[in-house]
Amino acid sequence: MQLQSESNPALNTVTAYGEDYIEINAVTYRHAVCFGPEGEVRRWSADDPGAISTASLRQAAGLAESRPDPMAFLDGAPPSRPPDAPEVLLIGTGSRQRLLPAETVGELLAMGIGVEAMSTQAAARTYNILMAEGRRVVAALLPLEPTQ
């Protein structure tokens, strides 16, 4: 399904998706991808909904590997969102929505990063809307599964 007839080539825009592919700025990807409005479209390490982990969410959001501060409990404050982190991370789980376990998303939520899992179609549309509004959004999309 084609989403937009025109896109700003300076911004990563989902232009279409279909059975086993995602198209960003008219470039077709046949594997899971993660991207924000600017920068490269990267291959996402998760290749199916069951492979989505805290580490793959951190990768998609562009966060460095966390090293817990053993003295952080003294501050009493939850960890804050890194300055370069997105406001929201949209997860496209394929043809249908698959909710992610609380322990998988907990670390990012504690940092103040919203994590929303939905079908890839819904995530693509939501990403385009938030990106057009100038929001700090990142999408991690699994291709749709081929229909039998």
Protein backbone atom coordinates (compact mmCIF):
# COMPACT_ATOMS: atom_id res chain seq x y z
CA MET A 1 0.00 0.00 0.00
CA GLN A 2 1.41 3.39 -0.98
CA LEU A 3 1.21 5.92 1.84
CA GLN A 4 2.40 9.15 0.29
CA SER A 5 2.73 10.35 -3.26
CA GLU A 6 5.31 12.95 -2.32
CA SER A 7 7.85 13.02 0.47
CA ASN A 8 10.57 15.34 1.67
CA PRO A 9 13.81 13.59 0.66
CA ALA A 10 15.59 15.29 3.55
CA LEU A 11 13.42 13.32 6.02
CA ASN A 12 12.94 9.57 6.25
CA THR A 13 9.31 8.94 5.32
CA VAL A 14 7.54 5.61 5.00
CA THR A 15 6.28 5.79 1.42
CA ALA A 16 4.77 2.29 1.14
CA TYR A 17 4.60 -1.15 2.71
CA GLY A 18 3.28 -4.48 1.62
CA GLU A 19 3.67 -8.19 1.93
CA ASP A 20 7.31 -8.74 3.00
CA TYR A 21 8.63 -5.20 2.35
CA ILE A 22 8.82 -1.68 3.78
CA GLU A 23 9.57 1.31 1.53
CA ILE A 24 11.27 4.40 2.93
CA ASN A 25 11.85 7.35 0.60
CA ALA A 26 11.04 5.01 -2.32
CA VAL A 27 13.79 2.52 -1.30
CA THR A 28 12.52 -1.00 -0.64
CA TYR A 29 13.71 -2.99 2.39
CA ARG A 30 12.87 -6.68 2.77
CA HIS A 31 14.10 -6.95 6.36
CA ALA A 32 13.35 -5.28 9.67
CA VAL A 33 14.48 -1.64 9.80
CA CYS A 34 14.82 1.13 12.36
CA PHE A 35 15.07 4.83 11.60
CA GLY A 36 14.23 8.33 12.68
CA PRO A 37 13.36 11.40 10.62
CA GLU A 38 17.03 12.06 9.86
CA GLY A 39 20.00 9.80 9.37
CA GLU A 40 20.39 6.37 7.93
CA VAL A 41 17.83 3.60 7.76
CA ARG A 42 19.45 0.74 9.66
CA ARG A 43 18.80 -2.98 9.71
CA TRP A 44 17.05 -3.84 12.97
CA SER A 45 18.40 -6.82 14.90
CA ALA A 46 14.92 -8.21 15.69
CA ASP A 47 13.60 -10.32 12.82
CA ASP A 48 10.30 -11.41 14.36
CA PRO A 49 8.15 -10.25 17.31
CA GLY A 50 9.56 -12.96 19.59
CA ALA A 51 13.08 -11.60 19.06
CA ILE A 52 12.24 -8.12 20.35
CA SER A 53 14.28 -7.56 23.52
CA THR A 54 15.38 -4.64 25.64
CA ALA A 55 18.69 -4.70 23.76
CA SER A 56 16.97 -4.55 20.35
CA LEU A 57 14.77 -1.66 21.57
CA ARG A 58 17.89 0.19 22.78
CA GLN A 59 19.50 -0.43 19.36
CA ALA A 60 16.43 0.89 17.54
CA ALA A 61 16.30 3.99 19.76
CA GLY A 62 20.00 4.66 19.15
CA LEU A 63 20.93 4.33 22.81
CA ALA A 64 24.34 3.17 23.90
CA GLU A 65 24.61 0.04 26.01
CA SER A 66 23.59 0.88 29.56
CA ARG A 67 25.98 0.60 32.45
CA PRO A 68 24.02 0.90 35.67
CA ASP A 69 25.41 3.31 38.21
CA PRO A 70 25.77 1.30 41.43
CA MET A 71 25.23 4.49 43.44
CA ALA A 72 22.15 5.71 41.54
CA PHE A 73 19.83 4.61 44.36
CA LEU A 74 21.24 7.45 46.47
CA ASP A 75 19.79 10.05 44.11
CA GLY A 76 16.28 8.66 44.47
CA ALA A 77 15.37 9.88 40.99
CA PRO A 78 14.55 7.63 38.04
CA PRO A 79 17.01 7.67 35.14
CA SER A 80 16.42 10.57 32.81
CA ARG A 81 16.03 10.43 29.05
CA PRO A 82 19.36 10.99 27.28
CA PRO A 83 19.36 14.25 25.29
CA ASP A 84 19.62 12.44 21.94
CA ALA A 85 16.94 9.86 22.73
CA PRO A 86 13.56 9.87 21.00
CA GLU A 87 10.36 10.91 22.75
CA VAL A 88 8.66 7.81 21.43
CA LEU A 89 9.72 4.52 19.88
CA LEU A 90 7.11 2.97 17.59
CA ILE A 91 7.37 -0.79 17.13
CA GLY A 92 5.73 -2.34 14.08
CA THR A 93 5.16 -6.02 14.93
CA GLY A 94 4.12 -7.26 11.49
CA SER A 95 0.62 -7.92 10.21
CA ARG A 96 -0.96 -7.72 13.64
CA GLN A 97 -0.29 -6.02 16.95
CA ARG A 98 1.70 -7.99 19.47
CA LEU A 99 2.11 -6.38 22.85
CA LEU A 100 5.57 -6.38 24.38
CA PRO A 101 6.22 -7.67 27.91
CA ALA A 102 6.61 -5.04 30.64
CA GLU A 103 10.12 -6.27 31.44
CA THR A 104 11.14 -5.67 27.80
CA VAL A 105 9.98 -2.04 27.67
CA GLY A 106 10.49 -1.11 31.33
CA GLU A 107 13.99 0.32 30.99
CA LEU A 108 13.02 2.70 28.19
CA LEU A 109 9.79 3.73 29.92
CA ALA A 110 11.79 4.50 33.09
CA MET A 111 13.96 6.86 31.00
CA GLY A 112 10.88 8.71 29.79
CA ILE A 113 10.85 7.16 26.30
CA GLY A 114 7.39 6.09 25.21
CA VAL A 115 7.28 2.65 23.61
CA GLU A 116 4.23 1.76 21.52
CA ALA A 117 3.80 -1.63 19.86
CA MET A 118 1.27 -1.90 17.03
CA SER A 119 0.90 -3.49 13.63
CA THR A 120 3.49 -2.38 11.10
CA GLN A 121 0.79 -0.63 9.06
CA ALA A 122 -0.34 1.43 12.07
CA ALA A 123 3.25 2.14 13.14
CA ALA A 124 4.16 3.38 9.65
CA ARG A 125 1.19 5.76 9.52
CA THR A 126 1.76 6.98 13.09
CA TYR A 127 5.46 7.54 12.41
CA ASN A 128 4.71 9.68 9.35
CA ILE A 129 2.25 11.81 11.32
CA LEU A 130 4.57 12.34 14.31
CA MET A 131 7.57 12.97 12.05
CA ALA A 132 5.59 15.58 10.07
CA GLU A 133 4.74 17.28 13.39
CA GLY A 134 8.46 17.58 14.15
CA ARG A 135 8.38 15.09 17.04
CA ARG A 136 11.44 13.12 18.10
CA VAL A 137 10.20 9.73 16.94
CA VAL A 138 11.94 6.52 15.92
CA ALA A 139 10.29 3.58 14.18
CA ALA A 140 11.39 -0.04 14.29
CA LEU A 141 9.37 -1.98 11.74
CA LEU A 142 9.09 -5.67 10.97
CA PRO A 143 7.90 -6.46 7.44
CA LEU A 144 4.41 -7.90 7.06
CA GLU A 145 4.28 -11.67 6.97
CA PRO A 146 3.34 -13.10 3.57
CA THR A 147 -0.25 -14.31 3.49
CA GLN A 148 -0.78 -18.00 2.86
